Amino acid sequence: MKEFIKKYYLRFIVMLLGTIIIGISAAFYVVSMVGSNSINTFSFGISSLLTQIFDYEVSTSIGITIGSAILAIILLICARKYLNIGTIVAVVLIGPVCGLFVDKGILKENDSLFICYLYSVIATVLNSLGASLVIKSNIGASPYDGVSLFLCDIIHIKFWIVRIIYDAALFLIGYVMGAVVGIGSVIAVLLTGPLIALFNKLIDLITKKNKKNVDAEAE
């Protein structure tokens, strides 16, 4: 029992760390001003639309929280099996972490186009690392990932095809609502998949190495 609790605790910490990193990556996407990945484009679009409707500045962090909550509600109604602790943590944490870095001025917009592109690359790397940690925790799936798995269940086509359609829809909806789609979006599309695969392999190697060390000490 103690061993189970210890393993679950470590997995929860890994998932929590990954979610925080995703929140930081969202902040880098915000200050880059050159576009972002699909889920953030959707969330930034919500922020932009609400700002126009209410004639009041709705922060991107609130947009992220609302966007995540919308996808979580879809899972609650249509596919509860994909709801878990990771879903709740993502809804509650990603937006505020992004807001902490943007609203408090920890990260700031820059007039240099080079810096903007650099921010975009950093955002994509961090987002991929965070996603990999969440995946490898095995106790967390973000609302974004949960909905893609649900769509795969009902459409019955290959996951990567569903993901392309799903991402395209989020980009389109976000753009229509007022989000920026630019070079940063292209960077995210091209790099995210390969980077997640790379980080997954690195985490597997680290995990195996640590396991061997523990086994050697036990002997």
C-alpha atoms as a PDB file:
ATOM      1  CA  MET A   1       0.000   0.000   0.000  1.00  0.00           C
ATOM      2  CA  LYS A   2       2.806   2.405   0.922  1.00  0.00           C
ATOM      3  CA  GLU A   3       4.581   1.598  -2.336  1.00  0.00           C
ATOM      4  CA  PHE A   4       1.384   2.334  -4.298  1.00  0.00           C
ATOM      5  CA  ILE A   5       0.895   5.665  -2.513  1.00  0.00           C
ATOM      6  CA  LYS A   6       4.534   6.585  -3.152  1.00  0.00           C
ATOM      7  CA  LYS A   7       4.252   5.801  -6.877  1.00  0.00           C
ATOM      8  CA  TYR A   8       0.966   7.713  -7.187  1.00  0.00           C
ATOM      9  CA  TYR A   9       2.434  10.663  -5.302  1.00  0.00           C
ATOM     10  CA  LEU A  10       5.450  10.801  -7.615  1.00  0.00           C
ATOM     11  CA  ARG A  11       3.205  10.547 -10.675  1.00  0.00           C
ATOM     12  CA  PHE A  12       1.040  13.368  -9.349  1.00  0.00           C
ATOM     13  CA  ILE A  13       4.122  15.560  -8.836  1.00  0.00           C
ATOM     14  CA  VAL A  14       5.277  14.825 -12.398  1.00  0.00           C
ATOM     15  CA  MET A  15       1.813  15.649 -13.768  1.00  0.00           C
ATOM     16  CA  LEU A  16       1.667  18.844 -11.698  1.00  0.00           C
ATOM     17  CA  LEU A  17       5.123  19.915 -12.897  1.00  0.00           C
ATOM     18  CA  GLY A  18       4.140  19.232 -16.505  1.00  0.00           C
ATOM     19  CA  THR A  19       0.956  21.288 -16.148  1.00  0.00           C
ATOM     20  CA  ILE A  20       2.858  24.228 -14.651  1.00  0.00           C
ATOM     21  CA  ILE A  21       5.354  24.094 -17.529  1.00  0.00           C
ATOM     22  CA  ILE A  22       2.444  24.144 -20.007  1.00  0.00           C
ATOM     23  CA  GLY A  23       1.146  27.254 -18.244  1.00  0.00           C
ATOM     24  CA  ILE A  24       4.553  28.923 -18.592  1.00  0.00           C
ATOM     25  CA  SER A  25       4.640  27.958 -22.271  1.00  0.00           C
ATOM     26  CA  ALA A  26       1.259  29.656 -22.758  1.00  0.00           C
ATOM     27  CA  ALA A  27       2.750  32.837 -21.275  1.00  0.00           C
ATOM     28  CA  PHE A  28       5.608  32.714 -23.788  1.00  0.00           C
ATOM     29  CA  TYR A  29       3.051  32.287 -26.589  1.00  0.00           C
ATOM     30  CA  VAL A  30       1.191  35.373 -25.335  1.00  0.00           C
ATOM     31  CA  VAL A  31       4.239  37.660 -25.310  1.00  0.00           C
ATOM     32  CA  SER A  32       5.546  36.283 -28.616  1.00  0.00           C
ATOM     33  CA  MET A  33       2.584  37.882 -30.475  1.00  0.00           C
ATOM     34  CA  VAL A  34       3.264  35.723 -33.562  1.00  0.00           C
ATOM     35  CA  GLY A  35       0.710  32.963 -33.032  1.00  0.00           C
ATOM     36  CA  SER A  36       0.558  29.836 -30.908  1.00  0.00           C
ATOM     37  CA  ASN A  37      -0.554  26.214 -30.906  1.00  0.00           C
ATOM     38  CA  SER A  38      -4.162  25.218 -31.580  1.00  0.00           C
ATOM     39  CA  ILE A  39      -5.534  25.058 -28.033  1.00  0.00           C
ATOM     40  CA  ASN A  40      -3.999  28.394 -27.076  1.00  0.00           C
ATOM     41  CA  THR A  41      -5.250  29.978 -30.310  1.00  0.00           C
ATOM     42  CA  PHE A  42      -8.738  28.789 -29.331  1.00  0.00           C
ATOM     43  CA  SER A  43      -8.320  30.158 -25.797  1.00  0.00           C
ATOM     44  CA  PHE A  44      -6.811  33.470 -26.921  1.00  0.00           C
ATOM     45  CA  GLY A  45      -9.728  33.796 -29.345  1.00  0.00           C
ATOM     46  CA  ILE A  46     -12.162  33.433 -26.450  1.00  0.00           C
ATOM     47  CA  SER A  47     -10.327  36.193 -24.596  1.00  0.00           C
ATOM     48  CA  SER A  48     -10.431  38.452 -27.660  1.00  0.00           C
ATOM     49  CA  LEU A  49     -14.131  37.803 -28.318  1.00  0.00           C
ATOM     50  CA  LEU A  50     -15.170  38.441 -24.710  1.00  0.00           C
ATOM     51  CA  THR A  51     -13.123  41.652 -24.703  1.00  0.00           C
ATOM     52  CA  GLN A  52     -15.034  42.852 -27.769  1.00  0.00           C
ATOM     53  CA  ILE A  53     -18.438  41.815 -26.395  1.00  0.00           C
ATOM     54  CA  PHE A  54     -18.062  43.365 -22.948  1.00  0.00           C
ATOM     55  CA  ASP A  55     -15.770  46.235 -23.999  1.00  0.00           C
ATOM     56  CA  TYR A  56     -13.529  45.233 -21.108  1.00  0.00           C
ATOM     57  CA  GLU A  57     -10.065  43.688 -21.176  1.00  0.00           C
ATOM     58  CA  VAL A  58     -10.462  39.958 -20.566  1.00  0.00           C
ATOM     59  CA  SER A  59      -7.010  38.542 -19.870  1.00  0.00           C
ATOM     60  CA  THR A  60      -5.583  35.645 -21.840  1.00  0.00           C
ATOM     61  CA  SER A  61      -5.274  33.671 -18.598  1.00  0.00           C
ATOM     62  CA  ILE A  62      -9.057  33.857 -18.153  1.00  0.00           C
ATOM     63  CA  GLY A  63      -9.485  32.853 -21.797  1.00  0.00           C
ATOM     64  CA  ILE A  64      -7.292  29.794 -21.193  1.00  0.00           C
ATOM     65  CA  THR A  65      -9.307  28.793 -18.130  1.00  0.00           C
ATOM     66  CA  ILE A  66     -12.617  29.223 -19.994  1.00  0.00           C
ATOM     67  CA  GLY A  67     -11.304  27.309 -23.022  1.00  0.00           C
ATOM     68  CA  SER A  68     -10.115  24.416 -20.857  1.00  0.00           C
ATOM     69  CA  ALA A  69     -13.410  24.438 -18.933  1.00  0.00           C
ATOM     70  CA  ILE A  70     -15.432  24.255 -22.176  1.00  0.00           C
ATOM     71  CA  LEU A  71     -13.500  21.182 -23.310  1.00  0.00           C
ATOM     72  CA  ALA A  72     -13.795  19.639 -19.828  1.00  0.00           C
ATOM     73  CA  ILE A  73     -17.584  20.157 -19.924  1.00  0.00           C
ATOM     74  CA  ILE A  74     -17.690  18.373 -23.295  1.00  0.00           C
ATOM     75  CA  LEU A  75     -15.907  15.433 -21.651  1.00  0.00           C
ATOM     76  CA  LEU A  76     -18.253  15.576 -18.651  1.00  0.00           C
ATOM     77  CA  ILE A  77     -21.281  15.323 -20.934  1.00  0.00           C
ATOM     78  CA  CYS A  78     -19.972  12.986 -23.625  1.00  0.00           C
ATOM     79  CA  ALA A  79     -16.973  11.014 -22.351  1.00  0.00           C
ATOM     80  CA  ARG A  80     -16.572  10.911 -18.593  1.00  0.00           C
ATOM     81  CA  LYS A  81     -14.027   8.109 -18.831  1.00  0.00           C
ATOM     82  CA  TYR A  82     -11.481  10.690 -19.986  1.00  0.00           C
ATOM     83  CA  LEU A  83     -12.098  12.920 -16.960  1.00  0.00           C
ATOM     84  CA  ASN A  84      -9.460  12.530 -14.270  1.00  0.00           C
ATOM     85  CA  ILE A  85      -7.295  14.466 -11.863  1.00  0.00           C
ATOM     86  CA  GLY A  86      -5.153  15.754 -14.722  1.00  0.00           C
ATOM     87  CA  THR A  87      -8.215  17.288 -16.378  1.00  0.00           C
ATOM     88  CA  ILE A  88      -9.141  19.228 -13.246  1.00  0.00           C
ATOM     89  CA  VAL A  89      -5.567  20.364 -12.599  1.00  0.00           C
ATOM     90  CA  ALA A  90      -5.275  21.622 -16.189  1.00  0.00           C
ATOM     91  CA  VAL A  91      -8.483  23.666 -15.923  1.00  0.00           C
ATOM     92  CA  VAL A  92      -7.523  25.150 -12.567  1.00  0.00           C
ATOM     93  CA  LEU A  93      -3.787  25.717 -13.046  1.00  0.00           C
ATOM     94  CA  ILE A  94      -2.728  26.524 -16.628  1.00  0.00           C
ATOM     95  CA  GLY A  95      -4.558  29.850 -16.895  1.00  0.00           C
ATOM     96  CA  PRO A  96      -3.393  31.264 -13.538  1.00  0.00           C
ATOM     97  CA  VAL A  97       0.226  30.197 -14.189  1.00  0.00           C
ATOM     98  CA  CYS A  98       0.102  31.981 -17.549  1.00  0.00           C
ATOM     99  CA  GLY A  99      -1.453  35.013 -15.871  1.00  0.00           C
ATOM    100  CA  LEU A 100       1.231  35.075 -13.199  1.00  0.00           C
ATOM    101  CA  PHE A 101       3.975  35.390 -15.790  1.00  0.00           C
ATOM    102  CA  VAL A 102       2.138  37.818 -18.103  1.00  0.00           C
ATOM    103  CA  ASP A 103       0.009  39.984 -15.810  1.00  0.00           C
ATOM    104  CA  LYS A 104       2.774  40.406 -13.225  1.00  0.00           C
ATOM    105  CA  GLY A 105       5.267  41.392 -15.913  1.00  0.00           C
ATOM    106  CA  ILE A 106       7.647  38.468 -15.412  1.00  0.00           C
ATOM    107  CA  LEU A 107       7.504  38.020 -19.190  1.00  0.00           C
ATOM    108  CA  LYS A 108       7.022  41.089 -21.369  1.00  0.00           C
ATOM    109  CA  GLU A 109       6.308  41.757 -25.029  1.00  0.00           C
ATOM    110  CA  ASN A 110       9.283  42.793 -27.135  1.00  0.00           C
ATOM    111  CA  ASP A 111       9.496  44.925 -30.287  1.00  0.00           C
ATOM    112  CA  SER A 112      12.273  42.748 -31.726  1.00  0.00           C
ATOM    113  CA  LEU A 113      10.914  40.254 -34.258  1.00  0.00           C
ATOM    114  CA  PHE A 114      13.835  37.942 -33.475  1.00  0.00           C
ATOM    115  CA  ILE A 115      12.896  37.911 -29.771  1.00  0.00           C
ATOM    116  CA  CYS A 116       9.257  37.257 -30.668  1.00  0.00           C
ATOM    117  CA  TYR A 117      10.232  34.227 -32.751  1.00  0.00           C
ATOM    118  CA  LEU A 118      12.599  33.094 -29.995  1.00  0.00           C
ATOM    119  CA  TYR A 119       9.743  33.305 -27.480  1.00  0.00           C
ATOM    120  CA  SER A 120       7.624  31.215 -29.845  1.00  0.00           C
ATOM    121  CA  VAL A 121      10.279  28.497 -30.088  1.00  0.00           C
ATOM    122  CA  ILE A 122      10.759  28.510 -26.298  1.00  0.00           C
ATOM    123  CA  ALA A 123       6.986  28.247 -25.873  1.00  0.00           C
ATOM    124  CA  THR A 124       6.802  25.248 -28.195  1.00  0.00           C
ATOM    125  CA  VAL A 125       9.701  23.474 -26.479  1.00  0.00           C
ATOM    126  CA  LEU A 126       8.216  24.076 -23.015  1.00  0.00           C
ATOM    127  CA  ASN A 127       4.741  23.041 -24.145  1.00  0.00           C
ATOM    128  CA  SER A 128       6.127  19.804 -25.579  1.00  0.00           C
ATOM    129  CA  LEU A 129       8.106  19.073 -22.405  1.00  0.00           C
ATOM    130  CA  GLY A 130       5.067  19.765 -20.232  1.00  0.00           C
ATOM    131  CA  ALA A 131       2.826  17.599 -22.390  1.00  0.00           C
ATOM    132  CA  SER A 132       5.366  14.771 -22.273  1.00  0.00           C
ATOM    133  CA  LEU A 133       5.554  14.917 -18.467  1.00  0.00           C
ATOM    134  CA  VAL A 134       1.757  14.849 -18.219  1.00  0.00           C
ATOM    135  CA  ILE A 135       1.568  11.905 -20.621  1.00  0.00           C
ATOM    136  CA  LYS A 136       4.256   9.948 -18.773  1.00  0.00           C
ATOM    137  CA  SER A 137       2.604  10.546 -15.396  1.00  0.00           C
ATOM    138  CA  ASN A 138      -0.189   8.203 -16.543  1.00  0.00           C
ATOM    139  CA  ILE A 139      -2.698   9.971 -14.304  1.00  0.00           C
ATOM    140  CA  GLY A 140      -3.361  13.088 -16.291  1.00  0.00           C
ATOM    141  CA  ALA A 141      -4.942  13.977 -19.595  1.00  0.00           C
ATOM    142  CA  SER A 142      -5.685  17.604 -20.328  1.00  0.00           C
ATOM    143  CA  PRO A 143      -9.172  18.562 -21.579  1.00  0.00           C
ATOM    144  CA  TYR A 144      -7.553  19.213 -24.974  1.00  0.00           C
ATOM    145  CA  ASP A 145      -6.145  15.680 -25.197  1.00  0.00           C
ATOM    146  CA  GLY A 146      -9.279  14.128 -23.699  1.00  0.00           C
ATOM    147  CA  VAL A 147     -11.528  15.619 -26.383  1.00  0.00           C
ATOM    148  CA  SER A 148      -9.202  14.387 -29.141  1.00  0.00           C
ATOM    149  CA  LEU A 149      -9.397  10.847 -27.714  1.00  0.00           C
ATOM    150  CA  PHE A 150     -13.197  11.132 -27.495  1.00  0.00           C
ATOM    151  CA  LEU A 151     -13.412  12.263 -31.135  1.00  0.00           C
ATOM    152  CA  CYS A 152     -11.242   9.320 -32.148  1.00  0.00           C
ATOM    153  CA  ASP A 153     -13.698   6.982 -30.411  1.00  0.00           C
ATOM    154  CA  ILE A 154     -16.758   8.304 -32.243  1.00  0.00           C
ATOM    155  CA  ILE A 155     -15.256   8.967 -35.689  1.00  0.00           C
ATOM    156  CA  HIS A 156     -13.329   5.661 -35.879  1.00  0.00           C
ATOM    157  CA  ILE A 157     -10.383   6.902 -37.928  1.00  0.00           C
ATOM    158  CA  LYS A 158      -6.675   7.051 -37.119  1.00  0.00           C
ATOM    159  CA  PHE A 159      -5.728   9.263 -34.201  1.00  0.00           C
ATOM    160  CA  TRP A 160      -3.285  11.441 -36.143  1.00  0.00           C
ATOM    161  CA  ILE A 161      -5.993  12.243 -38.707  1.00  0.00           C
ATOM    162  CA  VAL A 162      -8.425  13.174 -35.930  1.00  0.00           C
ATOM    163  CA  ARG A 163      -5.741  15.353 -34.357  1.00  0.00           C
ATOM    164  CA  ILE A 164      -5.123  17.256 -37.596  1.00  0.00           C
ATOM    165  CA  ILE A 165      -8.857  17.910 -38.080  1.00  0.00           C
ATOM    166  CA  TYR A 166      -9.284  18.818 -34.415  1.00  0.00           C
ATOM    167  CA  ASP A 167      -6.317  21.215 -34.403  1.00  0.00           C
ATOM    168  CA  ALA A 168      -7.459  22.809 -37.670  1.00  0.00           C
ATOM    169  CA  ALA A 169     -10.910  23.390 -36.164  1.00  0.00           C
ATOM    170  CA  LEU A 170      -9.423  24.994 -33.040  1.00  0.00           C
ATOM    171  CA  PHE A 171      -7.166  27.226 -35.143  1.00  0.00           C
ATOM    172  CA  LEU A 172     -10.124  28.298 -37.298  1.00  0.00           C
ATOM    173  CA  ILE A 173     -12.457  28.962 -34.358  1.00  0.00           C
ATOM    174  CA  GLY A 174      -9.743  30.886 -32.516  1.00  0.00           C
ATOM    175  CA  TYR A 175      -8.897  32.945 -35.598  1.00  0.00           C
ATOM    176  CA  VAL A 176     -12.559  33.810 -36.249  1.00  0.00           C
ATOM    177  CA  MET A 177     -12.887  34.970 -32.640  1.00  0.00           C
ATOM    178  CA  GLY A 178      -9.885  37.270 -33.031  1.00  0.00           C
ATOM    179  CA  ALA A 179      -6.763  35.301 -32.108  1.00  0.00           C
ATOM    180  CA  VAL A 180      -3.495  35.699 -33.999  1.00  0.00           C
ATOM    181  CA  VAL A 181      -2.484  32.878 -36.339  1.00  0.00           C
ATOM    182  CA  GLY A 182       1.032  33.391 -37.655  1.00  0.00           C
ATOM    183  CA  ILE A 183       4.564  32.042 -37.867  1.00  0.00           C
ATOM    184  CA  GLY A 184       4.337  30.922 -34.249  1.00  0.00           C
ATOM    185  CA  SER A 185       1.425  28.691 -35.184  1.00  0.00           C
ATOM    186  CA  VAL A 186       3.490  27.104 -37.958  1.00  0.00           C
ATOM    187  CA  ILE A 187       6.388  26.572 -35.531  1.00  0.00           C
ATOM    188  CA  ALA A 188       4.014  24.895 -33.072  1.00  0.00           C
ATOM    189  CA  VAL A 189       2.501  22.625 -35.728  1.00  0.00           C
ATOM    190  CA  LEU A 190       5.889  21.523 -37.088  1.00  0.00           C
ATOM    191  CA  LEU A 191       7.789  21.062 -33.819  1.00  0.00           C
ATOM    192  CA  THR A 192       5.314  19.966 -31.147  1.00  0.00           C
ATOM    193  CA  GLY A 193       4.814  16.361 -32.281  1.00  0.00           C
ATOM    194  CA  PRO A 194       8.507  15.544 -32.835  1.00  0.00           C
ATOM    195  CA  LEU A 195       9.515  17.291 -29.594  1.00  0.00           C
ATOM    196  CA  ILE A 196       6.954  15.381 -27.522  1.00  0.00           C
ATOM    197  CA  ALA A 197       8.253  12.135 -29.033  1.00  0.00           C
ATOM    198  CA  LEU A 198      11.829  13.177 -28.200  1.00  0.00           C
ATOM    199  CA  PHE A 199      10.983  14.111 -24.604  1.00  0.00           C
ATOM    200  CA  ASN A 200       9.048  10.860 -24.177  1.00  0.00           C
ATOM    201  CA  LYS A 201      12.165   8.902 -25.156  1.00  0.00           C
ATOM    202  CA  LEU A 202      14.390  10.951 -22.839  1.00  0.00           C
ATOM    203  CA  ILE A 203      12.015  10.449 -19.912  1.00  0.00           C
ATOM    204  CA  ASP A 204      11.905   6.709 -20.622  1.00  0.00           C
ATOM    205  CA  LEU A 205      15.713   6.563 -20.625  1.00  0.00           C
ATOM    206  CA  ILE A 206      15.946   8.490 -17.345  1.00  0.00           C
ATOM    207  CA  THR A 207      13.265   6.296 -15.766  1.00  0.00           C
ATOM    208  CA  LYS A 208      15.007   3.080 -16.821  1.00  0.00           C
ATOM    209  CA  LYS A 209      18.373   4.348 -15.573  1.00  0.00           C
ATOM    210  CA  ASN A 210      16.925   5.293 -12.178  1.00  0.00           C
ATOM    211  CA  LYS A 211      15.186   1.927 -11.921  1.00  0.00           C
ATOM    212  CA  LYS A 212      18.464   0.107 -12.584  1.00  0.00           C
ATOM    213  CA  ASN A 213      20.205   2.181  -9.906  1.00  0.00           C
ATOM    214  CA  VAL A 214      17.456   1.408  -7.385  1.00  0.00           C
ATOM    215  CA  ASP A 215      17.596  -2.313  -8.207  1.00  0.00           C
ATOM    216  CA  ALA A 216      21.399  -2.290  -7.867  1.00  0.00           C
ATOM    217  CA  GLU A 217      21.191  -0.620  -4.451  1.00  0.00           C
ATOM    218  CA  ALA A 218      18.560  -3.135  -3.332  1.00  0.00           C
ATOM    219  CA  GLU A 219      20.902  -6.014  -4.151  1.00  0.00           C
END
